[in-house]
Amino acid sequence: MAGFIDRIEELINMVGEDHVALGSDMDANYQPVMETYRKMPLVVGALFQRGHSDEAVAKFIGGNFLRVMDQVQGV
């Protein structure tokens, strides 16, 4: 799980928190990170422990996806 959180932070540092979102697939390129969404609170907790704000975590766990889908559907 720590490596997964590291990768999330790497992506946020590269492209910004407005452009990183949790995917809906569970295979993570055939290397499972989470085998069930019941572990999602662990991801959220780890991001908070590393100092990410409520707003940034909300973007990652669904806010960014919803924003993009809203924009795409509005076209």
PDB file of N, CA and C in Angstrom:
ATOM      1  N   MET A   1       0.826  -1.197   0.000  1.00  0.00           N
ATOM      2  CA  MET A   1       0.000   0.000   0.000  1.00  0.00           C
ATOM      3  C   MET A   1       0.871   1.262   0.000  1.00  0.00           C
ATOM      4  N   ALA A   2       2.002   1.218   0.719  1.00  0.00           N
ATOM      5  CA  ALA A   2       2.876   2.403   0.777  1.00  0.00           C
ATOM      6  C   ALA A   2       3.380   2.783  -0.613  1.00  0.00           C
ATOM      7  N   GLY A   3       3.710   1.789  -1.426  1.00  0.00           N
ATOM      8  CA  GLY A   3       4.163   2.068  -2.788  1.00  0.00           C
ATOM      9  C   GLY A   3       3.073   2.700  -3.631  1.00  0.00           C
ATOM     10  N   PHE A   4       1.832   2.272  -3.420  1.00  0.00           N
ATOM     11  CA  PHE A   4       0.688   2.839  -4.128  1.00  0.00           C
ATOM     12  C   PHE A   4       0.528   4.316  -3.768  1.00  0.00           C
ATOM     13  N   ILE A   5       0.647   4.617  -2.494  1.00  0.00           N
ATOM     14  CA  ILE A   5       0.537   6.012  -2.042  1.00  0.00           C
ATOM     15  C   ILE A   5       1.711   6.828  -2.577  1.00  0.00           C
ATOM     16  N   ASP A   6       2.899   6.241  -2.592  1.00  0.00           N
ATOM     17  CA  ASP A   6       4.066   6.928  -3.178  1.00  0.00           C
ATOM     18  C   ASP A   6       3.794   7.311  -4.619  1.00  0.00           C
ATOM     19  N   ARG A   7       3.212   6.391  -5.383  1.00  0.00           N
ATOM     20  CA  ARG A   7       2.943   6.637  -6.797  1.00  0.00           C
ATOM     21  C   ARG A   7       1.890   7.732  -6.967  1.00  0.00           C
ATOM     22  N   ILE A   8       0.885   7.733  -6.140  1.00  0.00           N
ATOM     23  CA  ILE A   8      -0.121   8.796  -6.186  1.00  0.00           C
ATOM     24  C   ILE A   8       0.566  10.151  -5.984  1.00  0.00           C
ATOM     25  N   GLU A   9       1.449  10.215  -5.002  1.00  0.00           N
ATOM     26  CA  GLU A   9       2.153  11.473  -4.722  1.00  0.00           C
ATOM     27  C   GLU A   9       3.077  11.867  -5.872  1.00  0.00           C
ATOM     28  N   GLU A  10       3.723  10.897  -6.490  1.00  0.00           N
ATOM     29  CA  GLU A  10       4.575  11.195  -7.646  1.00  0.00           C
ATOM     30  C   GLU A  10       3.744  11.825  -8.765  1.00  0.00           C
ATOM     31  N   LEU A  11       2.587  11.237  -9.027  1.00  0.00           N
ATOM     32  CA  LEU A  11       1.720  11.770 -10.078  1.00  0.00           C
ATOM     33  C   LEU A  11       1.216  13.159  -9.739  1.00  0.00           C
ATOM     34  N   ILE A  12       0.819  13.369  -8.498  1.00  0.00           N
ATOM     35  CA  ILE A  12       0.372  14.698  -8.080  1.00  0.00           C
ATOM     36  C   ILE A  12       1.496  15.714  -8.254  1.00  0.00           C
ATOM     37  N   ASN A  13       2.705  15.336  -7.899  1.00  0.00           N
ATOM     38  CA  ASN A  13       3.846  16.246  -8.054  1.00  0.00           C
ATOM     39  C   ASN A  13       4.157  16.529  -9.517  1.00  0.00           C
ATOM     40  N   MET A  14       3.904  15.566 -10.396  1.00  0.00           N
ATOM     41  CA  MET A  14       4.193  15.740 -11.822  1.00  0.00           C
ATOM     42  C   MET A  14       3.134  16.570 -12.547  1.00  0.00           C
ATOM     43  N   VAL A  15       1.854  16.286 -12.286  1.00  0.00           N
ATOM     44  CA  VAL A  15       0.800  16.904 -13.085  1.00  0.00           C
ATOM     45  C   VAL A  15      -0.180  17.751 -12.279  1.00  0.00           C
ATOM     46  N   GLY A  16      -0.111  17.682 -10.968  1.00  0.00           N
ATOM     47  CA  GLY A  16      -0.990  18.479 -10.124  1.00  0.00           C
ATOM     48  C   GLY A  16      -2.203  17.699  -9.653  1.00  0.00           C
ATOM     49  N   GLU A  17      -2.733  18.093  -8.515  1.00  0.00           N
ATOM     50  CA  GLU A  17      -3.831  17.356  -7.879  1.00  0.00           C
ATOM     51  C   GLU A  17      -5.128  17.394  -8.674  1.00  0.00           C
ATOM     52  N   ASP A  18      -5.248  18.328  -9.622  1.00  0.00           N
ATOM     53  CA  ASP A  18      -6.457  18.388 -10.439  1.00  0.00           C
ATOM     54  C   ASP A  18      -6.474  17.359 -11.566  1.00  0.00           C
ATOM     55  N   HIS A  19      -5.388  16.606 -11.724  1.00  0.00           N
ATOM     56  CA  HIS A  19      -5.265  15.698 -12.864  1.00  0.00           C
ATOM     57  C   HIS A  19      -4.940  14.261 -12.475  1.00  0.00           C
ATOM     58  N   VAL A  20      -5.168  13.900 -11.230  1.00  0.00           N
ATOM     59  CA  VAL A  20      -4.922  12.537 -10.752  1.00  0.00           C
ATOM     60  C   VAL A  20      -6.223  12.014 -10.155  1.00  0.00           C
ATOM     61  N   ALA A  21      -6.581  10.773 -10.544  1.00  0.00           N
ATOM     62  CA  ALA A  21      -7.824  10.184 -10.035  1.00  0.00           C
ATOM     63  C   ALA A  21      -7.644   8.687  -9.873  1.00  0.00           C
ATOM     64  N   LEU A  22      -8.369   8.136  -8.961  1.00  0.00           N
ATOM     65  CA  LEU A  22      -8.366   6.696  -8.763  1.00  0.00           C
ATOM     66  C   LEU A  22      -9.102   6.040  -9.912  1.00  0.00           C
ATOM     67  N   GLY A  23      -8.486   5.019 -10.511  1.00  0.00           N
ATOM     68  CA  GLY A  23      -9.128   4.292 -11.595  1.00  0.00           C
ATOM     69  C   GLY A  23     -10.129   3.281 -11.068  1.00  0.00           C
ATOM     70  N   SER A  24     -10.982   2.830 -11.949  1.00  0.00           N
ATOM     71  CA  SER A  24     -12.011   1.877 -11.543  1.00  0.00           C
ATOM     72  C   SER A  24     -11.538   0.428 -11.628  1.00  0.00           C
ATOM     73  N   ASP A  25     -10.411   0.203 -12.271  1.00  0.00           N
ATOM     74  CA  ASP A  25      -9.910  -1.166 -12.375  1.00  0.00           C
ATOM     75  C   ASP A  25      -9.141  -1.543 -11.120  1.00  0.00           C
ATOM     76  N   MET A  26      -9.041  -2.808 -10.867  1.00  0.00           N
ATOM     77  CA  MET A  26      -8.348  -3.284  -9.679  1.00  0.00           C
ATOM     78  C   MET A  26      -7.023  -3.965  -9.998  1.00  0.00           C
ATOM     79  N   ASP A  27      -6.686  -4.130 -11.281  1.00  0.00           N
ATOM     80  CA  ASP A  27      -5.499  -4.925 -11.585  1.00  0.00           C
ATOM     81  C   ASP A  27      -4.195  -4.137 -11.522  1.00  0.00           C
ATOM     82  N   ALA A  28      -4.242  -2.828 -11.619  1.00  0.00           N
ATOM     83  CA  ALA A  28      -3.031  -1.994 -11.562  1.00  0.00           C
ATOM     84  C   ALA A  28      -1.949  -2.562 -12.474  1.00  0.00           C
ATOM     85  N   ASN A  29      -2.321  -2.749 -13.729  1.00  0.00           N
ATOM     86  CA  ASN A  29      -1.409  -3.343 -14.713  1.00  0.00           C
ATOM     87  C   ASN A  29      -0.995  -4.746 -14.314  1.00  0.00           C
ATOM     88  N   TYR A  30      -1.963  -5.514 -13.889  1.00  0.00           N
ATOM     89  CA  TYR A  30      -1.797  -6.928 -13.542  1.00  0.00           C
ATOM     90  C   TYR A  30      -1.039  -7.156 -12.241  1.00  0.00           C
ATOM     91  N   GLN A  31      -0.867  -6.148 -11.446  1.00  0.00           N
ATOM     92  CA  GLN A  31      -0.245  -6.276 -10.126  1.00  0.00           C
ATOM     93  C   GLN A  31      -1.209  -5.665  -9.114  1.00  0.00           C
ATOM     94  N   PRO A  32      -2.113  -6.474  -8.561  1.00  0.00           N
ATOM     95  CA  PRO A  32      -3.137  -5.912  -7.673  1.00  0.00           C
ATOM     96  C   PRO A  32      -2.565  -5.113  -6.505  1.00  0.00           C
ATOM     97  N   VAL A  33      -3.123  -3.959  -6.317  1.00  0.00           N
ATOM     98  CA  VAL A  33      -2.779  -3.108  -5.181  1.00  0.00           C
ATOM     99  C   VAL A  33      -3.874  -3.232  -4.131  1.00  0.00           C
ATOM    100  N   MET A  34      -5.100  -3.107  -4.608  1.00  0.00           N
ATOM    101  CA  MET A  34      -6.259  -3.298  -3.741  1.00  0.00           C
ATOM    102  C   MET A  34      -7.116  -4.385  -4.390  1.00  0.00           C
ATOM    103  N   GLU A  35      -7.339  -5.443  -3.692  1.00  0.00           N
ATOM    104  CA  GLU A  35      -8.182  -6.498  -4.249  1.00  0.00           C
ATOM    105  C   GLU A  35      -9.665  -6.279  -3.957  1.00  0.00           C
ATOM    106  N   THR A  36      -9.954  -5.268  -3.162  1.00  0.00           N
ATOM    107  CA  THR A  36     -11.340  -4.913  -2.856  1.00  0.00           C
ATOM    108  C   THR A  36     -11.405  -3.427  -2.495  1.00  0.00           C
ATOM    109  N   TYR A  37     -12.526  -2.808  -2.862  1.00  0.00           N
ATOM    110  CA  TYR A  37     -12.701  -1.394  -2.519  1.00  0.00           C
ATOM    111  C   TYR A  37     -12.913  -1.192  -1.022  1.00  0.00           C
ATOM    112  N   ARG A  38     -13.050  -2.250  -0.288  1.00  0.00           N
ATOM    113  CA  ARG A  38     -13.158  -2.123   1.178  1.00  0.00           C
ATOM    114  C   ARG A  38     -11.874  -1.560   1.785  1.00  0.00           C
ATOM    115  N   LYS A  39     -10.789  -1.603   1.030  1.00  0.00           N
ATOM    116  CA  LYS A  39      -9.517  -1.042   1.510  1.00  0.00           C
ATOM    117  C   LYS A  39      -9.377   0.455   1.213  1.00  0.00           C
ATOM    118  N   MET A  40     -10.383   1.031   0.577  1.00  0.00           N
ATOM    119  CA  MET A  40     -10.319   2.451   0.235  1.00  0.00           C
ATOM    120  C   MET A  40     -10.067   3.344   1.449  1.00  0.00           C
ATOM    121  N   PRO A  41     -10.655   3.071   2.605  1.00  0.00           N
ATOM    122  CA  PRO A  41     -10.343   3.915   3.767  1.00  0.00           C
ATOM    123  C   PRO A  41      -8.850   3.913   4.115  1.00  0.00           C
ATOM    124  N   LEU A  42      -8.138   2.836   3.790  1.00  0.00           N
ATOM    125  CA  LEU A  42      -6.695   2.802   4.044  1.00  0.00           C
ATOM    126  C   LEU A  42      -5.963   3.787   3.142  1.00  0.00           C
ATOM    127  N   VAL A  43      -6.414   3.891   1.905  1.00  0.00           N
ATOM    128  CA  VAL A  43      -5.813   4.845   0.965  1.00  0.00           C
ATOM    129  C   VAL A  43      -6.094   6.267   1.439  1.00  0.00           C
ATOM    130  N   VAL A  44      -7.338   6.531   1.771  1.00  0.00           N
ATOM    131  CA  VAL A  44      -7.721   7.869   2.239  1.00  0.00           C
ATOM    132  C   VAL A  44      -6.941   8.234   3.502  1.00  0.00           C
ATOM    133  N   GLY A  45      -6.894   7.318   4.448  1.00  0.00           N
ATOM    134  CA  GLY A  45      -6.158   7.565   5.689  1.00  0.00           C
ATOM    135  C   GLY A  45      -4.681   7.821   5.449  1.00  0.00           C
ATOM    136  N   ALA A  46      -4.082   7.049   4.546  1.00  0.00           N
ATOM    137  CA  ALA A  46      -2.652   7.226   4.250  1.00  0.00           C
ATOM    138  C   ALA A  46      -2.389   8.587   3.623  1.00  0.00           C
ATOM    139  N   LEU A  47      -3.281   9.028   2.748  1.00  0.00           N
ATOM    140  CA  LEU A  47      -3.108  10.355   2.146  1.00  0.00           C
ATOM    141  C   LEU A  47      -3.224  11.454   3.193  1.00  0.00           C
ATOM    142  N   PHE A  48      -4.178  11.303   4.106  1.00  0.00           N
ATOM    143  CA  PHE A  48      -4.302  12.278   5.194  1.00  0.00           C
ATOM    144  C   PHE A  48      -3.060  12.253   6.091  1.00  0.00           C
ATOM    145  N   GLN A  49      -2.560  11.070   6.395  1.00  0.00           N
ATOM    146  CA  GLN A  49      -1.362  10.953   7.243  1.00  0.00           C
ATOM    147  C   GLN A  49      -0.156  11.626   6.598  1.00  0.00           C
ATOM    148  N   ARG A  50      -0.125  11.641   5.287  1.00  0.00           N
ATOM    149  CA  ARG A  50       0.992  12.280   4.588  1.00  0.00           C
ATOM    150  C   ARG A  50       0.765  13.766   4.369  1.00  0.00           C
ATOM    151  N   GLY A  51      -0.308  14.283   4.924  1.00  0.00           N
ATOM    152  CA  GLY A  51      -0.509  15.725   4.921  1.00  0.00           C
ATOM    153  C   GLY A  51      -1.362  16.285   3.800  1.00  0.00           C
ATOM    154  N   HIS A  52      -2.031  15.442   3.037  1.00  0.00           N
ATOM    155  CA  HIS A  52      -2.881  15.954   1.970  1.00  0.00           C
ATOM    156  C   HIS A  52      -4.171  16.514   2.560  1.00  0.00           C
ATOM    157  N   SER A  53      -4.653  17.561   1.954  1.00  0.00           N
ATOM    158  CA  SER A  53      -5.854  18.241   2.458  1.00  0.00           C
ATOM    159  C   SER A  53      -7.115  17.450   2.129  1.00  0.00           C
ATOM    160  N   ASP A  54      -8.199  17.802   2.805  1.00  0.00           N
ATOM    161  CA  ASP A  54      -9.508  17.210   2.502  1.00  0.00           C
ATOM    162  C   ASP A  54      -9.842  17.405   1.026  1.00  0.00           C
ATOM    163  N   GLU A  55      -9.586  18.614   0.538  1.00  0.00           N
ATOM    164  CA  GLU A  55      -9.902  18.938  -0.853  1.00  0.00           C
ATOM    165  C   GLU A  55      -9.102  18.077  -1.825  1.00  0.00           C
ATOM    166  N   ALA A  56      -7.811  17.913  -1.580  1.00  0.00           N
ATOM    167  CA  ALA A  56      -6.966  17.116  -2.480  1.00  0.00           C
ATOM    168  C   ALA A  56      -7.384  15.652  -2.486  1.00  0.00           C
ATOM    169  N   VAL A  57      -7.684  15.114  -1.329  1.00  0.00           N
ATOM    170  CA  VAL A  57      -8.105  13.708  -1.244  1.00  0.00           C
ATOM    171  C   VAL A  57      -9.448  13.531  -1.939  1.00  0.00           C
ATOM    172  N   ALA A  58     -10.364  14.463  -1.748  1.00  0.00           N
ATOM    173  CA  ALA A  58     -11.670  14.376  -2.401  1.00  0.00           C
ATOM    174  C   ALA A  58     -11.522  14.404  -3.920  1.00  0.00           C
ATOM    175  N   LYS A  59     -10.587  15.181  -4.424  1.00  0.00           N
ATOM    176  CA  LYS A  59     -10.335  15.208  -5.868  1.00  0.00           C
ATOM    177  C   LYS A  59      -9.861  13.848  -6.350  1.00  0.00           C
ATOM    178  N   PHE A  60      -8.934  13.257  -5.640  1.00  0.00           N
ATOM    179  CA  PHE A  60      -8.363  11.984  -6.060  1.00  0.00           C
ATOM    180  C   PHE A  60      -9.386  10.848  -6.027  1.00  0.00           C
ATOM    181  N   ILE A  61     -10.204  10.794  -5.000  1.00  0.00           N
ATOM    182  CA  ILE A  61     -11.098   9.635  -4.855  1.00  0.00           C
ATOM    183  C   ILE A  61     -12.390   9.751  -5.656  1.00  0.00           C
ATOM    184  N   GLY A  62     -12.577  10.832  -6.384  1.00  0.00           N
ATOM    185  CA  GLY A  62     -13.764  10.912  -7.226  1.00  0.00           C
ATOM    186  C   GLY A  62     -14.065  12.277  -7.800  1.00  0.00           C
ATOM    187  N   GLY A  63     -13.618  13.308  -7.128  1.00  0.00           N
ATOM    188  CA  GLY A  63     -13.925  14.664  -7.573  1.00  0.00           C
ATOM    189  C   GLY A  63     -13.401  14.984  -8.954  1.00  0.00           C
ATOM    190  N   ASN A  64     -12.164  14.610  -9.238  1.00  0.00           N
ATOM    191  CA  ASN A  64     -11.592  14.896 -10.557  1.00  0.00           C
ATOM    192  C   ASN A  64     -12.330  14.131 -11.652  1.00  0.00           C
ATOM    193  N   PHE A  65     -12.653  12.888 -11.392  1.00  0.00           N
ATOM    194  CA  PHE A  65     -13.396  12.093 -12.366  1.00  0.00           C
ATOM    195  C   PHE A  65     -14.747  12.740 -12.662  1.00  0.00           C
ATOM    196  N   LEU A  66     -15.453  13.131 -11.617  1.00  0.00           N
ATOM    197  CA  LEU A  66     -16.769  13.744 -11.802  1.00  0.00           C
ATOM    198  C   LEU A  66     -16.671  15.062 -12.569  1.00  0.00           C
ATOM    199  N   ARG A  67     -15.637  15.842 -12.267  1.00  0.00           N
ATOM    200  CA  ARG A  67     -15.449  17.123 -12.959  1.00  0.00           C
ATOM    201  C   ARG A  67     -15.229  16.906 -14.458  1.00  0.00           C
ATOM    202  N   VAL A  68     -14.361  15.964 -14.805  1.00  0.00           N
ATOM    203  CA  VAL A  68     -14.068  15.691 -16.208  1.00  0.00           C
ATOM    204  C   VAL A  68     -15.297  15.122 -16.920  1.00  0.00           C
ATOM    205  N   MET A  69     -15.986  14.193 -16.289  1.00  0.00           N
ATOM    206  CA  MET A  69     -17.184  13.628 -16.913  1.00  0.00           C
ATOM    207  C   MET A  69     -18.242  14.707 -17.139  1.00  0.00           C
ATOM    208  N   ASP A  70     -18.387  15.607 -16.207  1.00  0.00           N
ATOM    209  CA  ASP A  70     -19.337  16.697 -16.358  1.00  0.00           C
ATOM    210  C   ASP A  70     -18.973  17.561 -17.558  1.00  0.00           C
ATOM    211  N   GLN A  71     -17.677  17.862 -17.704  1.00  0.00           N
ATOM    212  CA  GLN A  71     -17.215  18.669 -18.833  1.00  0.00           C
ATOM    213  C   GLN A  71     -17.427  17.949 -20.157  1.00  0.00           C
ATOM    214  N   VAL A  72     -17.131  16.663 -20.195  1.00  0.00           N
ATOM    215  CA  VAL A  72     -17.257  15.884 -21.426  1.00  0.00           C
ATOM    216  C   VAL A  72     -18.721  15.744 -21.829  1.00  0.00           C
ATOM    217  N   GLN A  73     -19.577  15.492 -20.862  1.00  0.00           N
ATOM    218  CA  GLN A  73     -20.997  15.330 -21.169  1.00  0.00           C
ATOM    219  C   GLN A  73     -21.647  16.633 -21.591  1.00  0.00           C
ATOM    220  N   GLY A  74     -21.058  17.732 -21.203  1.00  0.00           N
ATOM    221  CA  GLY A  74     -21.604  19.028 -21.551  1.00  0.00           C
ATOM    222  C   GLY A  74     -21.233  19.479 -22.952  1.00  0.00           C
ATOM    223  N   VAL A  75     -20.361  18.741 -23.615  1.00  0.00           N
ATOM    224  CA  VAL A  75     -19.894  19.139 -24.971  1.00  0.00           C
ATOM    225  C   VAL A  75     -20.914  18.760 -26.010  1.00  0.00           C
TER     226      VAL A  75
END
